[in-house]
Protein backbone atom coordinates (compact mmCIF):
# COMPACT_ATOMS: atom_id res chain seq x y z
CA MET A 1 -28.24 4.30 8.08
CA LEU A 2 -24.86 4.63 9.75
CA ILE A 3 -22.10 6.69 8.16
CA ARG A 4 -18.73 5.95 9.68
CA PRO A 5 -15.03 6.15 8.85
CA ALA A 6 -13.97 3.38 6.50
CA THR A 7 -11.42 0.81 7.60
CA SER A 8 -9.25 -1.61 5.66
CA ALA A 9 -11.90 -4.25 6.42
CA ASP A 10 -14.28 -2.29 4.14
CA GLN A 11 -12.08 -2.53 1.06
CA ASP A 12 -13.83 -5.55 -0.47
CA ALA A 13 -17.24 -3.89 -0.08
CA ILE A 14 -15.96 -0.58 -1.48
CA TRP A 15 -14.35 -2.34 -4.45
CA ALA A 16 -17.68 -4.09 -5.12
CA ILE A 17 -19.24 -0.62 -5.40
CA ILE A 18 -16.43 1.03 -7.37
CA GLN A 19 -15.79 -1.69 -9.97
CA PRO A 20 -19.14 -1.58 -11.83
CA ILE A 21 -19.14 2.22 -11.79
CA LEU A 22 -15.65 2.29 -13.31
CA ILE A 23 -16.58 -0.29 -15.94
CA ALA A 24 -19.75 1.62 -16.90
CA ALA A 25 -17.63 4.80 -17.32
CA GLU A 26 -20.77 6.99 -17.34
CA THR A 27 -20.46 9.14 -14.24
CA PHE A 28 -17.00 9.20 -12.70
CA ALA A 29 -13.77 10.52 -14.19
CA MET A 30 -11.60 7.56 -13.22
CA PRO A 31 -10.06 5.06 -15.65
CA GLY A 32 -12.42 2.16 -16.32
CA ASP A 33 -9.54 -0.29 -16.58
CA TRP A 34 -8.06 0.42 -13.17
CA SER A 35 -7.27 -2.66 -11.15
CA ARG A 36 -8.66 -3.20 -7.68
CA GLU A 37 -5.34 -2.07 -6.23
CA GLN A 38 -5.22 1.12 -8.32
CA ALA A 39 -8.80 2.10 -7.55
CA LEU A 40 -8.49 1.46 -3.82
CA ALA A 41 -5.14 3.27 -3.68
CA TYR A 42 -6.86 6.30 -5.19
CA TRP A 43 -9.95 6.05 -2.96
CA PHE A 44 -7.87 5.58 0.18
CA ALA A 45 -5.16 8.12 -0.77
CA PRO A 46 -3.38 9.56 2.28
CA ALA A 47 -5.02 12.97 1.79
CA HIS A 48 -8.54 11.43 1.68
CA SER A 49 -10.85 10.97 4.65
CA VAL A 50 -12.93 7.96 3.63
CA PHE A 51 -16.37 7.02 4.94
CA VAL A 52 -18.90 4.28 4.30
CA ALA A 53 -22.67 4.28 4.59
CA GLU A 54 -24.00 1.04 5.93
CA GLN A 55 -27.32 -0.40 6.88
CA ASP A 56 -27.84 -3.68 8.69
CA GLY A 57 -24.11 -4.35 8.35
CA ALA A 58 -24.08 -3.96 4.55
CA VAL A 59 -21.97 -1.20 2.97
CA LEU A 60 -24.26 0.69 0.56
CA GLY A 61 -21.94 3.52 -0.43
CA SER A 62 -18.68 5.29 0.22
CA TYR A 63 -17.26 8.76 -0.11
CA TYR A 64 -13.96 10.51 0.34
CA LEU A 65 -13.31 14.10 1.36
CA ARG A 66 -10.12 16.00 0.70
CA ALA A 67 -8.84 19.52 0.15
CA ASN A 68 -9.65 20.48 -3.43
CA GLN A 69 -6.27 22.19 -3.85
CA GLN A 70 -3.11 22.67 -1.84
CA GLY A 71 -1.67 25.86 -0.38
CA GLY A 72 -3.89 28.88 -0.82
CA GLY A 73 -6.80 26.73 -2.01
CA ASP A 74 -6.79 24.20 0.81
CA HIS A 75 -9.81 25.78 2.55
CA VAL A 76 -12.11 24.38 -0.16
CA SER A 77 -13.07 20.73 0.14
CA ASN A 78 -13.81 18.20 -2.59
CA CYS A 79 -15.61 14.85 -2.42
CA GLY A 80 -16.23 11.76 -4.49
CA TYR A 81 -19.31 9.63 -3.79
CA MET A 82 -20.28 6.17 -5.01
CA VAL A 83 -23.39 4.14 -4.19
CA SER A 84 -23.94 0.46 -4.91
CA GLY A 85 -26.33 -0.28 -7.76
CA GLU A 86 -28.64 -2.14 -5.37
CA ALA A 87 -28.94 0.94 -3.12
CA THR A 88 -29.63 3.51 -5.84
CA GLY A 89 -32.67 5.64 -5.05
CA ARG A 90 -32.65 4.88 -1.33
CA GLY A 91 -31.21 8.19 -0.11
CA VAL A 92 -27.65 6.93 0.39
CA ALA A 93 -25.97 9.67 -1.68
CA ARG A 94 -28.09 12.34 0.00
CA ALA A 95 -27.14 11.05 3.46
CA MET A 96 -23.44 10.88 2.53
CA CYS A 97 -23.55 14.39 1.08
CA ALA A 98 -25.19 15.78 4.23
CA HIS A 99 -22.57 13.98 6.32
CA SER A 100 -19.71 15.28 4.16
CA LEU A 101 -20.92 18.88 4.40
CA GLU A 102 -21.05 18.67 8.19
CA TYR A 103 -17.70 16.89 8.36
CA ALA A 104 -16.11 19.51 6.08
CA ARG A 105 -17.44 22.30 8.30
CA SER A 106 -16.08 20.56 11.39
CA LYS A 107 -12.63 20.40 9.75
CA GLY A 108 -12.63 24.13 9.01
CA PHE A 109 -13.33 24.03 5.28
CA ARG A 110 -15.10 27.13 4.00
CA ALA A 111 -16.60 25.64 0.85
CA MET A 112 -17.10 22.42 -1.09
CA GLN A 113 -16.50 22.16 -4.82
CA PHE A 114 -17.16 19.37 -7.27
CA ASN A 115 -14.78 19.74 -10.21
CA ILE A 116 -16.51 17.54 -12.78
CA VAL A 117 -20.16 16.57 -12.44
CA VAL A 118 -21.20 14.87 -15.67
CA ALA A 119 -24.18 16.79 -17.08
CA SER A 120 -25.87 13.61 -18.34
CA ASN A 121 -25.92 12.32 -14.73
CA VAL A 122 -29.15 14.23 -14.17
CA ARG A 123 -29.99 12.50 -10.88
CA ALA A 124 -26.67 13.57 -9.34
CA VAL A 125 -26.96 17.12 -10.69
CA ALA A 126 -30.46 17.45 -9.23
CA LEU A 127 -29.36 15.95 -5.92
CA TRP A 128 -26.39 18.29 -5.56
CA GLN A 129 -28.55 21.29 -6.45
CA GLY A 130 -31.10 20.13 -3.88
CA MET A 131 -28.31 19.99 -1.32
CA GLY A 132 -27.43 23.64 -1.98
CA PHE A 133 -24.77 23.41 -4.70
CA ALA A 134 -24.77 25.90 -7.56
CA ILE A 135 -23.44 25.29 -11.04
CA LEU A 136 -20.60 27.77 -11.43
CA ALA A 137 -19.41 26.72 -14.87
CA THR A 138 -20.21 24.42 -17.73
CA LEU A 139 -17.20 22.64 -19.19
CA PRO A 140 -18.14 21.93 -22.81
CA SER A 141 -17.62 18.33 -23.92
CA ALA A 142 -15.42 17.70 -20.87
CA PHE A 143 -16.49 14.09 -20.33
CA ARG A 144 -16.32 11.21 -22.82
CA HIS A 145 -19.44 9.14 -22.18
CA PRO A 146 -19.36 5.59 -23.62
CA SER A 147 -22.74 5.84 -25.37
CA LEU A 148 -23.51 9.58 -25.54
CA GLY A 149 -20.11 10.70 -26.76
CA TYR A 150 -18.69 13.97 -25.50
CA VAL A 151 -20.97 15.56 -22.92
CA ASP A 152 -20.71 18.68 -20.81
CA ALA A 153 -19.64 18.64 -17.19
CA TYR A 154 -20.30 21.12 -14.42
CA VAL A 155 -18.21 22.71 -11.73
CA MET A 156 -20.50 22.86 -8.69
CA HIS A 157 -19.86 24.79 -5.47
CA GLN A 158 -21.36 25.50 -2.08
CA THR A 159 -20.13 27.92 0.55
CA LEU A 160 -19.99 26.34 3.99
């Protein structure tokens, strides 16, 4: 699997990954009714470093990395990861997370923080914990899940 910086030529493949995740509205705190343009503008925001994971020329996932805050908090990084439904369970998220941790270190970040990890997304929670992230806080009923109702979310953190 190759993880490389995303280019504008990857936008169709990234949208194909993002759209069903937004529509499902189960794991990511982004509006489910965002248009292609809105979603890609967010994903490719100027402050984001965007990468894709590809295998045999097919984009299987994408992530962005940014400073979690500005000013005095800009030494802590933040990421968003999405994997295509067809690639779930194939180690794509794990590979992107490992890549993002190394990339964040190389850019001088001292930590990585995930601000809202949906507690019902047990696979992601277990993966992030396996990658060295700790749950720092539980945010009660912080995420509105389409079938489970209000569920908790976690703030997760790892010192780099």
